[in-house]
Amino acid sequence: MTSPADPATSASPLTPAVKSALTRYRVIAYIVGVMLLVLLFVAMPLKYLGDNPSAMNVVGPMHGFLYVVYLLGAFDLARRLRWPLPRLLLVALAGTIPFLSFYAERKVTHELTPS
């Protein structure tokens, strides 16, 4: 008796719904990554070194809102791919550490797209 093929290897996980979820995740990962860098390297120095909180008052809430959108995009992708919770949490945390959202996006994309 033959064993059934592993669904992870026999069928491509890139259905149209997964492709669109991956595209949305990739876009928001880049946006959140750039906004975090702007927040840390432009807005915060202006606030604390230049005594000018105006950039922080704009960029801070914007990054917060976009991070929530990032979380929704990561959750949507994880739901469609049936990721385990620890993987989803690691991808979600990637939006809070500078440059890590870019790395996480690349890693997820390389795992899902055929070479």
C-alpha atoms as a PDB file:
ATOM      1  CA  MET A   1       0.000   0.000   0.000  1.00  0.00           C
ATOM      2  CA  THR A   2       1.407   3.369  -0.923  1.00  0.00           C
ATOM      3  CA  SER A   3       1.218   6.289   1.415  1.00  0.00           C
ATOM      4  CA  PRO A   4      -0.490   9.443   0.239  1.00  0.00           C
ATOM      5  CA  ALA A   5       1.797  12.154  -1.026  1.00  0.00           C
ATOM      6  CA  ASP A   6       2.712  14.938   1.324  1.00  0.00           C
ATOM      7  CA  PRO A   7       0.422  17.862   0.444  1.00  0.00           C
ATOM      8  CA  ALA A   8       3.218  20.332   1.113  1.00  0.00           C
ATOM      9  CA  THR A   9       5.397  18.827  -1.601  1.00  0.00           C
ATOM     10  CA  SER A  10       2.898  17.448  -4.110  1.00  0.00           C
ATOM     11  CA  ALA A  11       0.773  20.533  -4.717  1.00  0.00           C
ATOM     12  CA  SER A  12       1.979  24.062  -5.055  1.00  0.00           C
ATOM     13  CA  PRO A  13       0.659  26.219  -2.202  1.00  0.00           C
ATOM     14  CA  LEU A  14       0.399  29.165  -4.582  1.00  0.00           C
ATOM     15  CA  THR A  15      -3.276  29.248  -5.349  1.00  0.00           C
ATOM     16  CA  PRO A  16      -4.582  32.584  -6.641  1.00  0.00           C
ATOM     17  CA  ALA A  17      -5.771  33.454  -3.130  1.00  0.00           C
ATOM     18  CA  VAL A  18      -2.337  32.704  -1.642  1.00  0.00           C
ATOM     19  CA  LYS A  19      -0.606  34.675  -4.408  1.00  0.00           C
ATOM     20  CA  SER A  20      -2.718  37.740  -3.699  1.00  0.00           C
ATOM     21  CA  ALA A  21      -2.231  37.370   0.073  1.00  0.00           C
ATOM     22  CA  LEU A  22       1.523  37.067  -0.492  1.00  0.00           C
ATOM     23  CA  THR A  23       1.551  40.184  -2.669  1.00  0.00           C
ATOM     24  CA  ARG A  24      -0.368  42.160  -0.042  1.00  0.00           C
ATOM     25  CA  TYR A  25       1.996  40.921   2.665  1.00  0.00           C
ATOM     26  CA  ARG A  26       5.077  41.833   0.612  1.00  0.00           C
ATOM     27  CA  VAL A  27       3.831  45.366  -0.048  1.00  0.00           C
ATOM     28  CA  ILE A  28       2.891  46.086   3.555  1.00  0.00           C
ATOM     29  CA  ALA A  29       6.125  44.501   4.850  1.00  0.00           C
ATOM     30  CA  TYR A  30       8.162  46.950   2.789  1.00  0.00           C
ATOM     31  CA  ILE A  31       5.998  49.895   3.803  1.00  0.00           C
ATOM     32  CA  VAL A  32       6.185  49.033   7.505  1.00  0.00           C
ATOM     33  CA  GLY A  33       9.934  48.440   7.267  1.00  0.00           C
ATOM     34  CA  VAL A  34      10.533  51.814   5.661  1.00  0.00           C
ATOM     35  CA  MET A  35       8.229  53.595   8.103  1.00  0.00           C
ATOM     36  CA  LEU A  36      10.024  52.008  11.057  1.00  0.00           C
ATOM     37  CA  LEU A  37      13.364  53.181   9.695  1.00  0.00           C
ATOM     38  CA  VAL A  38      11.980  56.702   9.189  1.00  0.00           C
ATOM     39  CA  LEU A  39      10.596  56.626  12.720  1.00  0.00           C
ATOM     40  CA  LEU A  40      13.871  55.481  14.276  1.00  0.00           C
ATOM     41  CA  PHE A  41      16.399  57.362  12.184  1.00  0.00           C
ATOM     42  CA  VAL A  42      14.548  60.577  11.350  1.00  0.00           C
ATOM     43  CA  ALA A  43      11.607  61.275  13.654  1.00  0.00           C
ATOM     44  CA  MET A  44      13.117  60.136  16.947  1.00  0.00           C
ATOM     45  CA  PRO A  45      16.426  62.011  16.497  1.00  0.00           C
ATOM     46  CA  LEU A  46      14.471  65.129  15.533  1.00  0.00           C
ATOM     47  CA  LYS A  47      12.393  64.792  18.682  1.00  0.00           C
ATOM     48  CA  TYR A  48      15.114  63.950  21.170  1.00  0.00           C
ATOM     49  CA  LEU A  49      18.170  65.643  19.685  1.00  0.00           C
ATOM     50  CA  GLY A  50      16.560  68.499  17.796  1.00  0.00           C
ATOM     51  CA  ASP A  51      13.765  69.167  20.290  1.00  0.00           C
ATOM     52  CA  ASN A  52      11.209  69.077  17.464  1.00  0.00           C
ATOM     53  CA  PRO A  53       8.408  66.530  18.068  1.00  0.00           C
ATOM     54  CA  SER A  54       6.381  67.348  14.936  1.00  0.00           C
ATOM     55  CA  ALA A  55       7.826  64.528  12.802  1.00  0.00           C
ATOM     56  CA  MET A  56       7.311  62.053  15.636  1.00  0.00           C
ATOM     57  CA  ASN A  57       3.695  63.187  15.987  1.00  0.00           C
ATOM     58  CA  VAL A  58       3.072  62.292  12.345  1.00  0.00           C
ATOM     59  CA  VAL A  59       5.297  59.283  11.724  1.00  0.00           C
ATOM     60  CA  GLY A  60       4.620  57.519  15.039  1.00  0.00           C
ATOM     61  CA  PRO A  61       0.843  57.102  14.656  1.00  0.00           C
ATOM     62  CA  MET A  62       1.262  56.377  10.938  1.00  0.00           C
ATOM     63  CA  HIS A  63       3.674  53.542  11.690  1.00  0.00           C
ATOM     64  CA  GLY A  64       1.320  52.245  14.390  1.00  0.00           C
ATOM     65  CA  PHE A  65      -1.611  52.127  11.974  1.00  0.00           C
ATOM     66  CA  LEU A  66       0.466  50.524   9.232  1.00  0.00           C
ATOM     67  CA  TYR A  67       1.805  47.942  11.683  1.00  0.00           C
ATOM     68  CA  VAL A  68      -1.778  46.877  12.410  1.00  0.00           C
ATOM     69  CA  VAL A  69      -2.318  46.509   8.654  1.00  0.00           C
ATOM     70  CA  TYR A  70       0.925  44.465   8.548  1.00  0.00           C
ATOM     71  CA  LEU A  71      -0.433  42.209  11.288  1.00  0.00           C
ATOM     72  CA  LEU A  72      -3.629  41.676   9.317  1.00  0.00           C
ATOM     73  CA  GLY A  73      -1.651  40.869   6.176  1.00  0.00           C
ATOM     74  CA  ALA A  74       0.570  38.410   8.037  1.00  0.00           C
ATOM     75  CA  PHE A  75      -2.452  36.792   9.671  1.00  0.00           C
ATOM     76  CA  ASP A  76      -4.223  36.468   6.331  1.00  0.00           C
ATOM     77  CA  LEU A  77      -1.187  34.807   4.751  1.00  0.00           C
ATOM     78  CA  ALA A  78      -0.681  32.534   7.763  1.00  0.00           C
ATOM     79  CA  ARG A  79      -4.337  31.498   7.710  1.00  0.00           C
ATOM     80  CA  ARG A  80      -4.221  30.641   4.021  1.00  0.00           C
ATOM     81  CA  LEU A  81      -0.977  28.659   4.415  1.00  0.00           C
ATOM     82  CA  ARG A  82      -1.975  27.133   7.771  1.00  0.00           C
ATOM     83  CA  TRP A  83       1.180  28.270   9.516  1.00  0.00           C
ATOM     84  CA  PRO A  84       1.670  27.199  13.142  1.00  0.00           C
ATOM     85  CA  LEU A  85       1.210  29.957  15.727  1.00  0.00           C
ATOM     86  CA  PRO A  86       4.948  30.339  16.555  1.00  0.00           C
ATOM     87  CA  ARG A  87       5.713  31.054  12.895  1.00  0.00           C
ATOM     88  CA  LEU A  88       2.954  33.642  12.703  1.00  0.00           C
ATOM     89  CA  LEU A  89       4.262  35.311  15.868  1.00  0.00           C
ATOM     90  CA  LEU A  90       7.807  35.494  14.487  1.00  0.00           C
ATOM     91  CA  VAL A  91       6.604  37.054  11.244  1.00  0.00           C
ATOM     92  CA  ALA A  92       4.390  39.458  13.205  1.00  0.00           C
ATOM     93  CA  LEU A  93       7.295  40.537  15.414  1.00  0.00           C
ATOM     94  CA  ALA A  94       9.426  41.199  12.352  1.00  0.00           C
ATOM     95  CA  GLY A  95       7.588  44.491  11.877  1.00  0.00           C
ATOM     96  CA  THR A  96       8.914  45.807  15.190  1.00  0.00           C
ATOM     97  CA  ILE A  97      12.655  45.316  14.661  1.00  0.00           C
ATOM     98  CA  PRO A  98      14.510  47.510  12.157  1.00  0.00           C
ATOM     99  CA  PHE A  99      15.368  45.746   8.878  1.00  0.00           C
ATOM    100  CA  LEU A 100      13.780  42.466  10.029  1.00  0.00           C
ATOM    101  CA  SER A 101      10.554  42.949   8.079  1.00  0.00           C
ATOM    102  CA  PHE A 102      12.636  43.029   4.873  1.00  0.00           C
ATOM    103  CA  TYR A 103      14.380  39.788   5.844  1.00  0.00           C
ATOM    104  CA  ALA A 104      11.140  38.058   6.854  1.00  0.00           C
ATOM    105  CA  GLU A 105       9.458  39.113   3.618  1.00  0.00           C
ATOM    106  CA  ARG A 106      12.331  37.739   1.523  1.00  0.00           C
ATOM    107  CA  LYS A 107      12.408  34.480   3.438  1.00  0.00           C
ATOM    108  CA  VAL A 108       8.653  33.929   3.143  1.00  0.00           C
ATOM    109  CA  THR A 109       8.691  34.821  -0.552  1.00  0.00           C
ATOM    110  CA  HIS A 110      11.588  32.456  -1.323  1.00  0.00           C
ATOM    111  CA  GLU A 111       9.867  29.622   0.521  1.00  0.00           C
ATOM    112  CA  LEU A 112       6.635  30.058  -1.402  1.00  0.00           C
ATOM    113  CA  THR A 113       7.762  30.872  -4.914  1.00  0.00           C
ATOM    114  CA  PRO A 114       9.236  28.181  -7.132  1.00  0.00           C
ATOM    115  CA  SER A 115      12.905  28.621  -7.976  1.00  0.00           C
END
